[in-house]
Amino acid sequence: MITVTRLNGTTFWLNALFFESIEALPDTTITLTNGKKYVVKESEQELQSKVLKFYEHVNLLGLERVREKDETK
């Protein structure tokens, strides 16, 4: 899950596993796989960074975590 900010300043959590698309229309709009849309303050680049960090955290990309690898040495 990642934290995003509504245009009115309130924050909420979204499950990044259900993101279908992220667009700047000009406001950043997240479309979920169920068709629901959310307009948020974060830029496309910020969201990309948050989503990739989340994917790494849950090991969705199948990559060995560097921190875990370093701890085994």
PDB file of N, CA and C in Angstrom:
ATOM      1  N   MET A   1       0.847  -1.173   0.000  1.00  0.00           N
ATOM      2  CA  MET A   1       0.000   0.000   0.000  1.00  0.00           C
ATOM      3  C   MET A   1       0.897   1.242   0.000  1.00  0.00           C
ATOM      4  N   ILE A   2       0.437   2.274  -0.666  1.00  0.00           N
ATOM      5  CA  ILE A   2       1.176   3.539  -0.672  1.00  0.00           C
ATOM      6  C   ILE A   2       0.244   4.657  -0.200  1.00  0.00           C
ATOM      7  N   THR A   3       0.834   5.690   0.363  1.00  0.00           N
ATOM      8  CA  THR A   3       0.085   6.853   0.806  1.00  0.00           C
ATOM      9  C   THR A   3       0.024   7.864  -0.331  1.00  0.00           C
ATOM     10  N   VAL A   4      -1.174   8.377  -0.599  1.00  0.00           N
ATOM     11  CA  VAL A   4      -1.356   9.424  -1.599  1.00  0.00           C
ATOM     12  C   VAL A   4      -2.166  10.562  -0.978  1.00  0.00           C
ATOM     13  N   THR A   5      -2.150  11.715  -1.632  1.00  0.00           N
ATOM     14  CA  THR A   5      -2.796  12.915  -1.096  1.00  0.00           C
ATOM     15  C   THR A   5      -3.870  13.415  -2.051  1.00  0.00           C
ATOM     16  N   ARG A   6      -5.076  13.578  -1.523  1.00  0.00           N
ATOM     17  CA  ARG A   6      -6.156  14.162  -2.323  1.00  0.00           C
ATOM     18  C   ARG A   6      -5.850  15.631  -2.582  1.00  0.00           C
ATOM     19  N   LEU A   7      -6.534  16.232  -3.519  1.00  0.00           N
ATOM     20  CA  LEU A   7      -6.319  17.647  -3.825  1.00  0.00           C
ATOM     21  C   LEU A   7      -6.677  18.547  -2.653  1.00  0.00           C
ATOM     22  N   ASN A   8      -7.558  18.073  -1.737  1.00  0.00           N
ATOM     23  CA  ASN A   8      -7.924  18.878  -0.565  1.00  0.00           C
ATOM     24  C   ASN A   8      -6.922  18.717   0.584  1.00  0.00           C
ATOM     25  N   GLY A   9      -5.865  17.913   0.377  1.00  0.00           N
ATOM     26  CA  GLY A   9      -4.809  17.773   1.371  1.00  0.00           C
ATOM     27  C   GLY A   9      -4.911  16.563   2.273  1.00  0.00           C
ATOM     28  N   THR A  10      -6.022  15.839   2.232  1.00  0.00           N
ATOM     29  CA  THR A  10      -6.143  14.641   3.074  1.00  0.00           C
ATOM     30  C   THR A  10      -5.378  13.484   2.433  1.00  0.00           C
ATOM     31  N   THR A  11      -4.807  12.651   3.278  1.00  0.00           N
ATOM     32  CA  THR A  11      -4.051  11.508   2.771  1.00  0.00           C
ATOM     33  C   THR A  11      -4.846  10.225   2.974  1.00  0.00           C
ATOM     34  N   PHE A  12      -4.564   9.265   2.130  1.00  0.00           N
ATOM     35  CA  PHE A  12      -5.190   7.952   2.249  1.00  0.00           C
ATOM     36  C   PHE A  12      -4.282   6.918   1.595  1.00  0.00           C
ATOM     37  N   TRP A  13      -4.582   5.655   1.846  1.00  0.00           N
ATOM     38  CA  TRP A  13      -3.779   4.553   1.342  1.00  0.00           C
ATOM     39  C   TRP A  13      -4.460   3.922   0.134  1.00  0.00           C
ATOM     40  N   LEU A  14      -3.648   3.550  -0.858  1.00  0.00           N
ATOM     41  CA  LEU A  14      -4.138   2.799  -2.009  1.00  0.00           C
ATOM     42  C   LEU A  14      -3.250   1.581  -2.204  1.00  0.00           C
ATOM     43  N   ASN A  15      -3.851   0.482  -2.619  1.00  0.00           N
ATOM     44  CA  ASN A  15      -3.088  -0.725  -2.886  1.00  0.00           C
ATOM     45  C   ASN A  15      -2.528  -0.630  -4.305  1.00  0.00           C
ATOM     46  N   ALA A  16      -1.216  -0.478  -4.406  1.00  0.00           N
ATOM     47  CA  ALA A  16      -0.558  -0.284  -5.694  1.00  0.00           C
ATOM     48  C   ALA A  16      -0.646  -1.520  -6.583  1.00  0.00           C
ATOM     49  N   LEU A  17      -1.031  -2.660  -6.038  1.00  0.00           N
ATOM     50  CA  LEU A  17      -1.189  -3.865  -6.846  1.00  0.00           C
ATOM     51  C   LEU A  17      -2.385  -3.745  -7.790  1.00  0.00           C
ATOM     52  N   PHE A  18      -3.306  -2.825  -7.492  1.00  0.00           N
ATOM     53  CA  PHE A  18      -4.510  -2.674  -8.302  1.00  0.00           C
ATOM     54  C   PHE A  18      -4.460  -1.465  -9.236  1.00  0.00           C
ATOM     55  N   PHE A  19      -3.286  -0.846  -9.403  1.00  0.00           N
ATOM     56  CA  PHE A  19      -3.155   0.289 -10.314  1.00  0.00           C
ATOM     57  C   PHE A  19      -3.179  -0.229 -11.750  1.00  0.00           C
ATOM     58  N   GLU A  20      -4.041   0.350 -12.554  1.00  0.00           N
ATOM     59  CA  GLU A  20      -4.062   0.031 -13.978  1.00  0.00           C
ATOM     60  C   GLU A  20      -3.286   1.081 -14.760  1.00  0.00           C
ATOM     61  N   SER A  21      -3.489   2.373 -14.376  1.00  0.00           N
ATOM     62  CA  SER A  21      -2.758   3.438 -15.061  1.00  0.00           C
ATOM     63  C   SER A  21      -2.622   4.651 -14.152  1.00  0.00           C
ATOM     64  N   ILE A  22      -1.604   5.456 -14.480  1.00  0.00           N
ATOM     65  CA  ILE A  22      -1.365   6.737 -13.813  1.00  0.00           C
ATOM     66  C   ILE A  22      -1.168   7.755 -14.932  1.00  0.00           C
ATOM     67  N   GLU A  23      -1.986   8.814 -14.927  1.00  0.00           N
ATOM     68  CA  GLU A  23      -1.930   9.812 -15.987  1.00  0.00           C
ATOM     69  C   GLU A  23      -1.935  11.222 -15.404  1.00  0.00           C
ATOM     70  N   ALA A  24      -1.340  12.152 -16.137  1.00  0.00           N
ATOM     71  CA  ALA A  24      -1.425  13.571 -15.788  1.00  0.00           C
ATOM     72  C   ALA A  24      -2.412  14.207 -16.762  1.00  0.00           C
ATOM     73  N   LEU A  25      -3.560  14.663 -16.245  1.00  0.00           N
ATOM     74  CA  LEU A  25      -4.640  15.112 -17.129  1.00  0.00           C
ATOM     75  C   LEU A  25      -5.108  16.555 -16.925  1.00  0.00           C
ATOM     76  N   PRO A  26      -4.552  17.576 -16.425  1.00  0.00           N
ATOM     77  CA  PRO A  26      -3.191  17.747 -15.932  1.00  0.00           C
ATOM     78  C   PRO A  26      -2.999  17.251 -14.502  1.00  0.00           C
ATOM     79  N   ASP A  27      -4.096  17.125 -13.720  1.00  0.00           N
ATOM     80  CA  ASP A  27      -3.921  16.570 -12.375  1.00  0.00           C
ATOM     81  C   ASP A  27      -3.616  15.083 -12.505  1.00  0.00           C
ATOM     82  N   THR A  28      -2.829  14.569 -11.582  1.00  0.00           N
ATOM     83  CA  THR A  28      -2.454  13.165 -11.635  1.00  0.00           C
ATOM     84  C   THR A  28      -3.658  12.312 -11.268  1.00  0.00           C
ATOM     85  N   THR A  29      -4.007  11.407 -12.164  1.00  0.00           N
ATOM     86  CA  THR A  29      -5.169  10.538 -11.984  1.00  0.00           C
ATOM     87  C   THR A  29      -4.720   9.083 -11.981  1.00  0.00           C
ATOM     88  N   ILE A  30      -5.110   8.371 -10.930  1.00  0.00           N
ATOM     89  CA  ILE A  30      -4.812   6.944 -10.812  1.00  0.00           C
ATOM     90  C   ILE A  30      -6.091   6.190 -11.150  1.00  0.00           C
ATOM     91  N   THR A  31      -5.989   5.246 -12.078  1.00  0.00           N
ATOM     92  CA  THR A  31      -7.122   4.389 -12.407  1.00  0.00           C
ATOM     93  C   THR A  31      -6.810   2.991 -11.890  1.00  0.00           C
ATOM     94  N   LEU A  32      -7.748   2.442 -11.124  1.00  0.00           N
ATOM     95  CA  LEU A  32      -7.586   1.092 -10.590  1.00  0.00           C
ATOM     96  C   LEU A  32      -8.154   0.064 -11.569  1.00  0.00           C
ATOM     97  N   THR A  33      -7.836  -1.199 -11.348  1.00  0.00           N
ATOM     98  CA  THR A  33      -8.307  -2.262 -12.230  1.00  0.00           C
ATOM     99  C   THR A  33      -9.829  -2.399 -12.225  1.00  0.00           C
ATOM    100  N   ASN A  34     -10.496  -1.909 -11.189  1.00  0.00           N
ATOM    101  CA  ASN A  34     -11.962  -1.967 -11.139  1.00  0.00           C
ATOM    102  C   ASN A  34     -12.612  -0.745 -11.803  1.00  0.00           C
ATOM    103  N   GLY A  35     -11.777   0.157 -12.375  1.00  0.00           N
ATOM    104  CA  GLY A  35     -12.277   1.340 -13.068  1.00  0.00           C
ATOM    105  C   GLY A  35     -12.407   2.583 -12.210  1.00  0.00           C
ATOM    106  N   LYS A  36     -12.270   2.444 -10.893  1.00  0.00           N
ATOM    107  CA  LYS A  36     -12.371   3.601  -9.997  1.00  0.00           C
ATOM    108  C   LYS A  36     -11.163   4.511 -10.215  1.00  0.00           C
ATOM    109  N   LYS A  37     -11.410   5.820 -10.186  1.00  0.00           N
ATOM    110  CA  LYS A  37     -10.345   6.805 -10.423  1.00  0.00           C
ATOM    111  C   LYS A  37     -10.145   7.672  -9.194  1.00  0.00           C
ATOM    112  N   TYR A  38      -8.889   8.040  -8.953  1.00  0.00           N
ATOM    113  CA  TYR A  38      -8.526   8.935  -7.856  1.00  0.00           C
ATOM    114  C   TYR A  38      -7.631  10.028  -8.419  1.00  0.00           C
ATOM    115  N   VAL A  39      -7.939  11.281  -8.083  1.00  0.00           N
ATOM    116  CA  VAL A  39      -7.112  12.420  -8.470  1.00  0.00           C
ATOM    117  C   VAL A  39      -6.278  12.790  -7.248  1.00  0.00           C
ATOM    118  N   VAL A  40      -4.956  12.852  -7.433  1.00  0.00           N
ATOM    119  CA  VAL A  40      -4.042  13.066  -6.313  1.00  0.00           C
ATOM    120  C   VAL A  40      -3.050  14.183  -6.617  1.00  0.00           C
ATOM    121  N   LYS A  41      -2.410  14.688  -5.548  1.00  0.00           N
ATOM    122  CA  LYS A  41      -1.430  15.773  -5.678  1.00  0.00           C
ATOM    123  C   LYS A  41      -0.081  15.296  -6.197  1.00  0.00           C
ATOM    124  N   GLU A  42       0.289  14.049  -5.891  1.00  0.00           N
ATOM    125  CA  GLU A  42       1.609  13.544  -6.273  1.00  0.00           C
ATOM    126  C   GLU A  42       1.771  13.531  -7.795  1.00  0.00           C
ATOM    127  N   SER A  43       2.993  13.757  -8.250  1.00  0.00           N
ATOM    128  CA  SER A  43       3.283  13.717  -9.678  1.00  0.00           C
ATOM    129  C   SER A  43       3.404  12.260 -10.135  1.00  0.00           C
ATOM    130  N   GLU A  44       3.394  12.068 -11.432  1.00  0.00           N
ATOM    131  CA  GLU A  44       3.577  10.722 -11.984  1.00  0.00           C
ATOM    132  C   GLU A  44       4.900  10.119 -11.517  1.00  0.00           C
ATOM    133  N   GLN A  45       5.948  10.944 -11.493  1.00  0.00           N
ATOM    134  CA  GLN A  45       7.266  10.476 -11.083  1.00  0.00           C
ATOM    135  C   GLN A  45       7.285  10.067  -9.609  1.00  0.00           C
ATOM    136  N   GLU A  46       6.633  10.860  -8.751  1.00  0.00           N
ATOM    137  CA  GLU A  46       6.550  10.517  -7.331  1.00  0.00           C
ATOM    138  C   GLU A  46       5.824   9.194  -7.140  1.00  0.00           C
ATOM    139  N   LEU A  47       4.725   9.021  -7.860  1.00  0.00           N
ATOM    140  CA  LEU A  47       3.966   7.782  -7.747  1.00  0.00           C
ATOM    141  C   LEU A  47       4.766   6.591  -8.260  1.00  0.00           C
ATOM    142  N   GLN A  48       5.473   6.785  -9.352  1.00  0.00           N
ATOM    143  CA  GLN A  48       6.305   5.707  -9.886  1.00  0.00           C
ATOM    144  C   GLN A  48       7.326   5.269  -8.844  1.00  0.00           C
ATOM    145  N   SER A  49       7.956   6.236  -8.188  1.00  0.00           N
ATOM    146  CA  SER A  49       8.933   5.928  -7.160  1.00  0.00           C
ATOM    147  C   SER A  49       8.295   5.180  -5.986  1.00  0.00           C
ATOM    148  N   LYS A  50       7.127   5.651  -5.537  1.00  0.00           N
ATOM    149  CA  LYS A  50       6.428   4.995  -4.420  1.00  0.00           C
ATOM    150  C   LYS A  50       6.010   3.572  -4.780  1.00  0.00           C
ATOM    151  N   VAL A  51       5.501   3.397  -6.001  1.00  0.00           N
ATOM    152  CA  VAL A  51       5.051   2.071  -6.430  1.00  0.00           C
ATOM    153  C   VAL A  51       6.229   1.110  -6.524  1.00  0.00           C
ATOM    154  N   LEU A  52       7.331   1.550  -7.120  1.00  0.00           N
ATOM    155  CA  LEU A  52       8.505   0.682  -7.221  1.00  0.00           C
ATOM    156  C   LEU A  52       9.048   0.312  -5.847  1.00  0.00           C
ATOM    157  N   LYS A  53       9.054   1.278  -4.928  1.00  0.00           N
ATOM    158  CA  LYS A  53       9.508   1.005  -3.558  1.00  0.00           C
ATOM    159  C   LYS A  53       8.587  -0.023  -2.895  1.00  0.00           C
ATOM    160  N   PHE A  54       7.273   0.116  -3.097  1.00  0.00           N
ATOM    161  CA  PHE A  54       6.307  -0.840  -2.548  1.00  0.00           C
ATOM    162  C   PHE A  54       6.534  -2.231  -3.150  1.00  0.00           C
ATOM    163  N   TYR A  55       6.696  -2.306  -4.477  1.00  0.00           N
ATOM    164  CA  TYR A  55       6.936  -3.589  -5.133  1.00  0.00           C
ATOM    165  C   TYR A  55       8.197  -4.259  -4.597  1.00  0.00           C
ATOM    166  N   GLU A  56       9.239  -3.469  -4.381  1.00  0.00           N
ATOM    167  CA  GLU A  56      10.477  -4.019  -3.815  1.00  0.00           C
ATOM    168  C   GLU A  56      10.246  -4.510  -2.389  1.00  0.00           C
ATOM    169  N   HIS A  57       9.460  -3.751  -1.620  1.00  0.00           N
ATOM    170  CA  HIS A  57       9.190  -4.114  -0.225  1.00  0.00           C
ATOM    171  C   HIS A  57       8.466  -5.453  -0.125  1.00  0.00           C
ATOM    172  N   VAL A  58       7.510  -5.693  -1.011  1.00  0.00           N
ATOM    173  CA  VAL A  58       6.764  -6.949  -0.980  1.00  0.00           C
ATOM    174  C   VAL A  58       7.413  -8.007  -1.873  1.00  0.00           C
ATOM    175  N   ASN A  59       8.569  -7.672  -2.440  1.00  0.00           N
ATOM    176  CA  ASN A  59       9.353  -8.561  -3.299  1.00  0.00           C
ATOM    177  C   ASN A  59       8.550  -9.041  -4.503  1.00  0.00           C
ATOM    178  N   LEU A  60       7.730  -8.179  -5.046  1.00  0.00           N
ATOM    179  CA  LEU A  60       6.911  -8.511  -6.199  1.00  0.00           C
ATOM    180  C   LEU A  60       7.766  -8.698  -7.452  1.00  0.00           C
ATOM    181  N   LEU A  61       8.896  -8.016  -7.506  1.00  0.00           N
ATOM    182  CA  LEU A  61       9.742  -8.078  -8.686  1.00  0.00           C
ATOM    183  C   LEU A  61      10.648  -9.299  -8.694  1.00  0.00           C
ATOM    184  N   GLY A  62      10.625 -10.079  -7.610  1.00  0.00           N
ATOM    185  CA  GLY A  62      11.434 -11.290  -7.543  1.00  0.00           C
ATOM    186  C   GLY A  62      12.919 -11.026  -7.364  1.00  0.00           C
ATOM    187  N   LEU A  63      13.256  -9.853  -6.888  1.00  0.00           N
ATOM    188  CA  LEU A  63      14.654  -9.502  -6.695  1.00  0.00           C
ATOM    189  C   LEU A  63      15.065  -9.752  -5.248  1.00  0.00           C
ATOM    190  N   GLU A  64      16.282 -10.223  -5.068  1.00  0.00           N
ATOM    191  CA  GLU A  64      16.790 -10.424  -3.723  1.00  0.00           C
ATOM    192  C   GLU A  64      17.018  -9.064  -3.079  1.00  0.00           C
ATOM    193  N   ARG A  65      16.571  -8.920  -1.866  1.00  0.00           N
ATOM    194  CA  ARG A  65      16.743  -7.646  -1.172  1.00  0.00           C
ATOM    195  C   ARG A  65      18.202  -7.463  -0.806  1.00  0.00           C
ATOM    196  N   VAL A  66      18.730  -6.294  -1.122  1.00  0.00           N
ATOM    197  CA  VAL A  66      20.132  -5.997  -0.859  1.00  0.00           C
ATOM    198  C   VAL A  66      20.406  -6.033   0.637  1.00  0.00           C
ATOM    199  N   ARG A  67      19.522  -5.475   1.436  1.00  0.00           N
ATOM    200  CA  ARG A  67      19.710  -5.434   2.882  1.00  0.00           C
ATOM    201  C   ARG A  67      19.806  -6.853   3.443  1.00  0.00           C
ATOM    202  N   GLU A  68      18.928  -7.740   3.020  1.00  0.00           N
ATOM    203  CA  GLU A  68      18.953  -9.123   3.488  1.00  0.00           C
ATOM    204  C   GLU A  68      20.215  -9.824   3.044  1.00  0.00           C
ATOM    205  N   LYS A  69      20.636  -9.533   1.817  1.00  0.00           N
ATOM    206  CA  LYS A  69      21.854 -10.152   1.294  1.00  0.00           C
ATOM    207  C   LYS A  69      23.058  -9.718   2.106  1.00  0.00           C
ATOM    208  N   ASP A  70      23.124  -8.424   2.470  1.00  0.00           N
ATOM    209  CA  ASP A  70      24.238  -7.916   3.251  1.00  0.00           C
ATOM    210  C   ASP A  70      24.251  -8.490   4.665  1.00  0.00           C
ATOM    211  N   GLU A  71      23.064  -8.769   5.233  1.00  0.00           N
ATOM    212  CA  GLU A  71      22.983  -9.286   6.590  1.00  0.00           C
ATOM    213  C   GLU A  71      23.459 -10.738   6.686  1.00  0.00           C
ATOM    214  N   THR A  72      23.454 -11.463   5.589  1.00  0.00           N
ATOM    215  CA  THR A  72      23.880 -12.866   5.620  1.00  0.00           C
ATOM    216  C   THR A  72      25.397 -13.013   5.506  1.00  0.00           C
ATOM    217  N   LYS A  73      26.079 -11.946   5.213  1.00  0.00           N
ATOM    218  CA  LYS A  73      27.546 -12.002   5.072  1.00  0.00           C
ATOM    219  C   LYS A  73      28.229 -11.942   6.404  1.00  0.00           C
TER     220      LYS A  73
END
